[in-house]
Amino acid sequence: MQKDNVNENVLERLSELLEKCLESAANIERKMDAVIGGEAR
């Protein structure tokens, strides 16, 4: 039982971290697009 609980917690943490990473990546991508777009114009 204990081990399953730990695995669940780890998975939960990982999915939270993954979500944050994806959000950050999306933000960076938007900034890059803005910078590149600004230079191109």
PDB file of N, CA and C in Angstrom:
ATOM      1  N   MET A   1       0.835  -1.206   0.000  1.00  0.00           N
ATOM      2  CA  MET A   1       0.000   0.000   0.000  1.00  0.00           C
ATOM      3  C   MET A   1       0.877   1.265   0.000  1.00  0.00           C
ATOM      4  N   GLN A   2       1.841   1.287   0.904  1.00  0.00           N
ATOM      5  CA  GLN A   2       2.704   2.460   1.031  1.00  0.00           C
ATOM      6  C   GLN A   2       3.381   2.798  -0.299  1.00  0.00           C
ATOM      7  N   LYS A   3       3.894   1.760  -0.964  1.00  0.00           N
ATOM      8  CA  LYS A   3       4.627   1.984  -2.210  1.00  0.00           C
ATOM      9  C   LYS A   3       3.720   2.586  -3.283  1.00  0.00           C
ATOM     10  N   ASP A   4       2.502   2.081  -3.388  1.00  0.00           N
ATOM     11  CA  ASP A   4       1.561   2.613  -4.370  1.00  0.00           C
ATOM     12  C   ASP A   4       1.311   4.099  -4.116  1.00  0.00           C
ATOM     13  N   ASN A   5       1.191   4.432  -2.848  1.00  0.00           N
ATOM     14  CA  ASN A   5       0.946   5.816  -2.464  1.00  0.00           C
ATOM     15  C   ASN A   5       2.091   6.708  -2.918  1.00  0.00           C
ATOM     16  N   VAL A   6       3.309   6.242  -2.676  1.00  0.00           N
ATOM     17  CA  VAL A   6       4.496   7.013  -3.057  1.00  0.00           C
ATOM     18  C   VAL A   6       4.518   7.197  -4.570  1.00  0.00           C
ATOM     19  N   ASN A   7       4.265   6.111  -5.305  1.00  0.00           N
ATOM     20  CA  ASN A   7       4.251   6.194  -6.764  1.00  0.00           C
ATOM     21  C   ASN A   7       3.221   7.207  -7.242  1.00  0.00           C
ATOM     22  N   GLU A   8       2.058   7.203  -6.611  1.00  0.00           N
ATOM     23  CA  GLU A   8       1.002   8.137  -6.991  1.00  0.00           C
ATOM     24  C   GLU A   8       1.461   9.573  -6.783  1.00  0.00           C
ATOM     25  N   ASN A   9       2.085   9.816  -5.626  1.00  0.00           N
ATOM     26  CA  ASN A   9       2.565  11.163  -5.320  1.00  0.00           C
ATOM     27  C   ASN A   9       3.620  11.604  -6.325  1.00  0.00           C
ATOM     28  N   VAL A  10       4.524  10.690  -6.654  1.00  0.00           N
ATOM     29  CA  VAL A  10       5.587  11.013  -7.609  1.00  0.00           C
ATOM     30  C   VAL A  10       4.982  11.351  -8.969  1.00  0.00           C
ATOM     31  N   LEU A  11       4.034  10.544  -9.404  1.00  0.00           N
ATOM     32  CA  LEU A  11       3.388  10.796 -10.699  1.00  0.00           C
ATOM     33  C   LEU A  11       2.682  12.147 -10.697  1.00  0.00           C
ATOM     34  N   GLU A  12       2.031  12.448  -9.583  1.00  0.00           N
ATOM     35  CA  GLU A  12       1.321  13.718  -9.477  1.00  0.00           C
ATOM     36  C   GLU A  12       2.300  14.879  -9.603  1.00  0.00           C
ATOM     37  N   ARG A  13       3.417  14.775  -8.874  1.00  0.00           N
ATOM     38  CA  ARG A  13       4.439  15.824  -8.915  1.00  0.00           C
ATOM     39  C   ARG A  13       5.000  15.966 -10.327  1.00  0.00           C
ATOM     40  N   LEU A  14       5.261  14.832 -10.960  1.00  0.00           N
ATOM     41  CA  LEU A  14       5.822  14.860 -12.310  1.00  0.00           C
ATOM     42  C   LEU A  14       4.871  15.537 -13.287  1.00  0.00           C
ATOM     43  N   SER A  15       3.593  15.212 -13.193  1.00  0.00           N
ATOM     44  CA  SER A  15       2.648  15.822 -14.128  1.00  0.00           C
ATOM     45  C   SER A  15       2.515  17.317 -13.868  1.00  0.00           C
ATOM     46  N   GLU A  16       2.622  17.732 -12.596  1.00  0.00           N
ATOM     47  CA  GLU A  16       2.596  19.166 -12.279  1.00  0.00           C
ATOM     48  C   GLU A  16       3.805  19.853 -12.894  1.00  0.00           C
ATOM     49  N   LEU A  17       4.977  19.231 -12.725  1.00  0.00           N
ATOM     50  CA  LEU A  17       6.203  19.801 -13.273  1.00  0.00           C
ATOM     51  C   LEU A  17       6.136  19.873 -14.787  1.00  0.00           C
ATOM     52  N   LEU A  18       5.641  18.816 -15.399  1.00  0.00           N
ATOM     53  CA  LEU A  18       5.520  18.771 -16.856  1.00  0.00           C
ATOM     54  C   LEU A  18       4.622  19.901 -17.341  1.00  0.00           C
ATOM     55  N   GLU A  19       3.522  20.104 -16.630  1.00  0.00           N
ATOM     56  CA  GLU A  19       2.592  21.170 -16.990  1.00  0.00           C
ATOM     57  C   GLU A  19       3.289  22.522 -16.941  1.00  0.00           C
ATOM     58  N   LYS A  20       4.063  22.752 -15.865  1.00  0.00           N
ATOM     59  CA  LYS A  20       4.786  24.015 -15.719  1.00  0.00           C
ATOM     60  C   LYS A  20       5.795  24.185 -16.841  1.00  0.00           C
ATOM     61  N   CYS A  21       6.495  23.104 -17.173  1.00  0.00           N
ATOM     62  CA  CYS A  21       7.483  23.156 -18.256  1.00  0.00           C
ATOM     63  C   CYS A  21       6.812  23.534 -19.565  1.00  0.00           C
ATOM     64  N   LEU A  22       5.666  22.914 -19.836  1.00  0.00           N
ATOM     65  CA  LEU A  22       4.957  23.191 -21.087  1.00  0.00           C
ATOM     66  C   LEU A  22       4.483  24.638 -21.127  1.00  0.00           C
ATOM     67  N   GLU A  23       4.008  25.144 -19.991  1.00  0.00           N
ATOM     68  CA  GLU A  23       3.572  26.539 -19.928  1.00  0.00           C
ATOM     69  C   GLU A  23       4.749  27.462 -20.195  1.00  0.00           C
ATOM     70  N   SER A  24       5.884  27.181 -19.558  1.00  0.00           N
ATOM     71  CA  SER A  24       7.083  27.993 -19.744  1.00  0.00           C
ATOM     72  C   SER A  24       7.526  27.952 -21.197  1.00  0.00           C
ATOM     73  N   ALA A  25       7.514  26.760 -21.775  1.00  0.00           N
ATOM     74  CA  ALA A  25       7.919  26.604 -23.172  1.00  0.00           C
ATOM     75  C   ALA A  25       7.017  27.435 -24.076  1.00  0.00           C
ATOM     76  N   ALA A  26       5.716  27.417 -23.803  1.00  0.00           N
ATOM     77  CA  ALA A  26       4.771  28.186 -24.611  1.00  0.00           C
ATOM     78  C   ALA A  26       5.055  29.679 -24.471  1.00  0.00           C
ATOM     79  N   ASN A  27       5.350  30.126 -23.251  1.00  0.00           N
ATOM     80  CA  ASN A  27       5.654  31.539 -23.023  1.00  0.00           C
ATOM     81  C   ASN A  27       6.918  31.941 -23.764  1.00  0.00           C
ATOM     82  N   ILE A  28       7.948  31.099 -23.674  1.00  0.00           N
ATOM     83  CA  ILE A  28       9.218  31.382 -24.345  1.00  0.00           C
ATOM     84  C   ILE A  28       8.993  31.450 -25.853  1.00  0.00           C
ATOM     85  N   GLU A  29       8.201  30.508 -26.355  1.00  0.00           N
ATOM     86  CA  GLU A  29       7.918  30.467 -27.792  1.00  0.00           C
ATOM     87  C   GLU A  29       7.242  31.760 -28.240  1.00  0.00           C
ATOM     88  N   ARG A  30       6.281  32.230 -27.447  1.00  0.00           N
ATOM     89  CA  ARG A  30       5.587  33.478 -27.779  1.00  0.00           C
ATOM     90  C   ARG A  30       6.567  34.642 -27.799  1.00  0.00           C
ATOM     91  N   LYS A  31       7.455  34.692 -26.800  1.00  0.00           N
ATOM     92  CA  LYS A  31       8.438  35.776 -26.732  1.00  0.00           C
ATOM     93  C   LYS A  31       9.369  35.716 -27.937  1.00  0.00           C
ATOM     94  N   MET A  32       9.817  34.505 -28.264  1.00  0.00           N
ATOM     95  CA  MET A  32      10.711  34.336 -29.412  1.00  0.00           C
ATOM     96  C   MET A  32      10.010  34.800 -30.683  1.00  0.00           C
ATOM     97  N   ASP A  33       8.755  34.397 -30.847  1.00  0.00           N
ATOM     98  CA  ASP A  33       7.984  34.803 -32.024  1.00  0.00           C
ATOM     99  C   ASP A  33       7.888  36.329 -32.084  1.00  0.00           C
ATOM    100  N   ALA A  34       7.659  36.947 -30.940  1.00  0.00           N
ATOM    101  CA  ALA A  34       7.543  38.399 -30.887  1.00  0.00           C
ATOM    102  C   ALA A  34       8.870  39.043 -31.287  1.00  0.00           C
ATOM    103  N   VAL A  35       9.963  38.513 -30.764  1.00  0.00           N
ATOM    104  CA  VAL A  35      11.292  39.063 -31.072  1.00  0.00           C
ATOM    105  C   VAL A  35      11.607  38.876 -32.548  1.00  0.00           C
ATOM    106  N   ILE A  36      11.423  37.658 -33.033  1.00  0.00           N
ATOM    107  CA  ILE A  36      11.726  37.355 -34.432  1.00  0.00           C
ATOM    108  C   ILE A  36      10.792  38.146 -35.349  1.00  0.00           C
ATOM    109  N   GLY A  37       9.515  38.168 -34.986  1.00  0.00           N
ATOM    110  CA  GLY A  37       8.539  38.911 -35.778  1.00  0.00           C
ATOM    111  C   GLY A  37       8.872  40.397 -35.800  1.00  0.00           C
ATOM    112  N   GLY A  38       9.296  40.927 -34.653  1.00  0.00           N
ATOM    113  CA  GLY A  38       9.657  42.335 -34.556  1.00  0.00           C
ATOM    114  C   GLY A  38      10.850  42.668 -35.431  1.00  0.00           C
ATOM    115  N   GLU A  39      11.824  41.746 -35.496  1.00  0.00           N
ATOM    116  CA  GLU A  39      13.016  41.981 -36.310  1.00  0.00           C
ATOM    117  C   GLU A  39      12.685  41.884 -37.793  1.00  0.00           C
ATOM    118  N   ALA A  40      11.787  40.965 -38.125  1.00  0.00           N
ATOM    119  CA  ALA A  40      11.461  40.715 -39.533  1.00  0.00           C
ATOM    120  C   ALA A  40      10.716  41.903 -40.142  1.00  0.00           C
ATOM    121  N   ARG A  41       9.880  42.559 -39.313  1.00  0.00           N
ATOM    122  CA  ARG A  41       9.093  43.675 -39.854  1.00  0.00           C
ATOM    123  C   ARG A  41       9.945  44.905 -40.117  1.00  0.00           C
TER     124      ARG A  41
END
